[in-house]
Amino acid sequence: MKAKIFIAGSGGIGRAAGLILGDSAHFDVELYFGDINAEMCDSAEKYVNDNLVSKISIHKILMPLQNL
């Protein structure tokens, strides 16, 4: 079973976390990037998959600005 991990924020720290988790040999992971900016989510997905040996499943969630 894949671990499903939500990363709030698709900037530098979120991308780094995605790379570390995606490259882990200890478990299979499915990532969810959440951000208020859809372009940041797209960019983080591309960055992580471009820098891993094997692509992983990444989902993007656009978070609303209100109620933050």
Protein backbone atom coordinates (compact mmCIF):
# COMPACT_ATOMS: atom_id res chain seq x y z
CA MET A 1 0.00 0.00 0.00
CA LYS A 2 1.30 3.46 -0.90
CA ALA A 3 1.79 6.09 1.77
CA LYS A 4 -0.30 9.17 0.90
CA ILE A 5 1.46 12.34 2.02
CA PHE A 6 0.13 15.89 1.78
CA ILE A 7 2.69 18.70 1.50
CA ALA A 8 1.26 22.14 2.21
CA GLY A 9 3.28 24.53 0.08
CA SER A 10 4.99 23.90 -3.23
CA GLY A 11 8.00 26.16 -2.76
CA GLY A 12 11.56 25.20 -1.95
CA ILE A 13 10.90 23.29 1.26
CA GLY A 14 7.90 21.46 -0.24
CA ARG A 15 9.94 20.47 -3.30
CA ALA A 16 12.81 19.27 -1.12
CA ALA A 17 10.42 17.20 0.98
CA GLY A 18 8.92 15.76 -2.21
CA LEU A 19 12.36 14.76 -3.49
CA ILE A 20 13.36 13.14 -0.21
CA LEU A 21 10.09 11.23 0.11
CA GLY A 22 10.01 10.27 -3.57
CA ASP A 23 13.56 8.96 -3.43
CA SER A 24 13.03 6.93 -0.25
CA ALA A 25 13.68 3.22 -0.66
CA HIS A 26 11.77 2.52 2.56
CA PHE A 27 8.25 3.00 1.23
CA ASP A 28 6.18 3.66 -1.86
CA VAL A 29 4.70 7.16 -1.77
CA GLU A 30 1.89 9.10 -3.40
CA LEU A 31 2.37 12.85 -2.95
CA TYR A 32 -0.23 15.60 -2.72
CA PHE A 33 1.08 19.15 -3.20
CA GLY A 34 -1.23 21.86 -1.90
CA ASP A 35 -0.72 25.53 -2.66
CA ILE A 36 -2.67 28.75 -3.22
CA ASN A 37 -0.94 29.10 -6.59
CA ALA A 38 -1.70 26.47 -9.27
CA GLU A 39 1.49 27.33 -11.19
CA MET A 40 3.58 26.53 -8.10
CA CYS A 41 1.91 23.11 -7.83
CA ASP A 42 2.61 22.41 -11.51
CA SER A 43 6.21 23.55 -11.13
CA ALA A 44 6.76 21.42 -8.01
CA GLU A 45 5.35 18.33 -9.73
CA LYS A 46 7.67 18.82 -12.71
CA TYR A 47 10.68 19.57 -10.50
CA VAL A 48 10.24 16.46 -8.36
CA ASN A 49 9.59 14.05 -11.23
CA ASP A 50 12.41 15.54 -13.34
CA ASN A 51 14.88 14.93 -10.51
CA LEU A 52 13.92 11.37 -9.56
CA VAL A 53 15.10 8.20 -11.28
CA SER A 54 11.53 6.87 -11.41
CA LYS A 55 8.47 9.09 -11.66
CA ILE A 56 6.03 8.97 -8.76
CA SER A 57 2.34 9.73 -8.46
CA ILE A 58 1.84 13.42 -7.62
CA HIS A 59 -1.53 15.12 -7.18
CA LYS A 60 -2.07 18.86 -7.00
CA ILE A 61 -4.60 20.60 -4.77
CA LEU A 62 -5.39 24.28 -5.19
CA MET A 63 -6.00 25.73 -1.75
CA PRO A 64 -8.36 28.72 -1.39
CA LEU A 65 -7.04 31.99 0.01
CA GLN A 66 -10.08 32.57 2.21
CA ASN A 67 -10.08 31.15 5.76
CA LEU A 68 -6.29 30.74 5.88
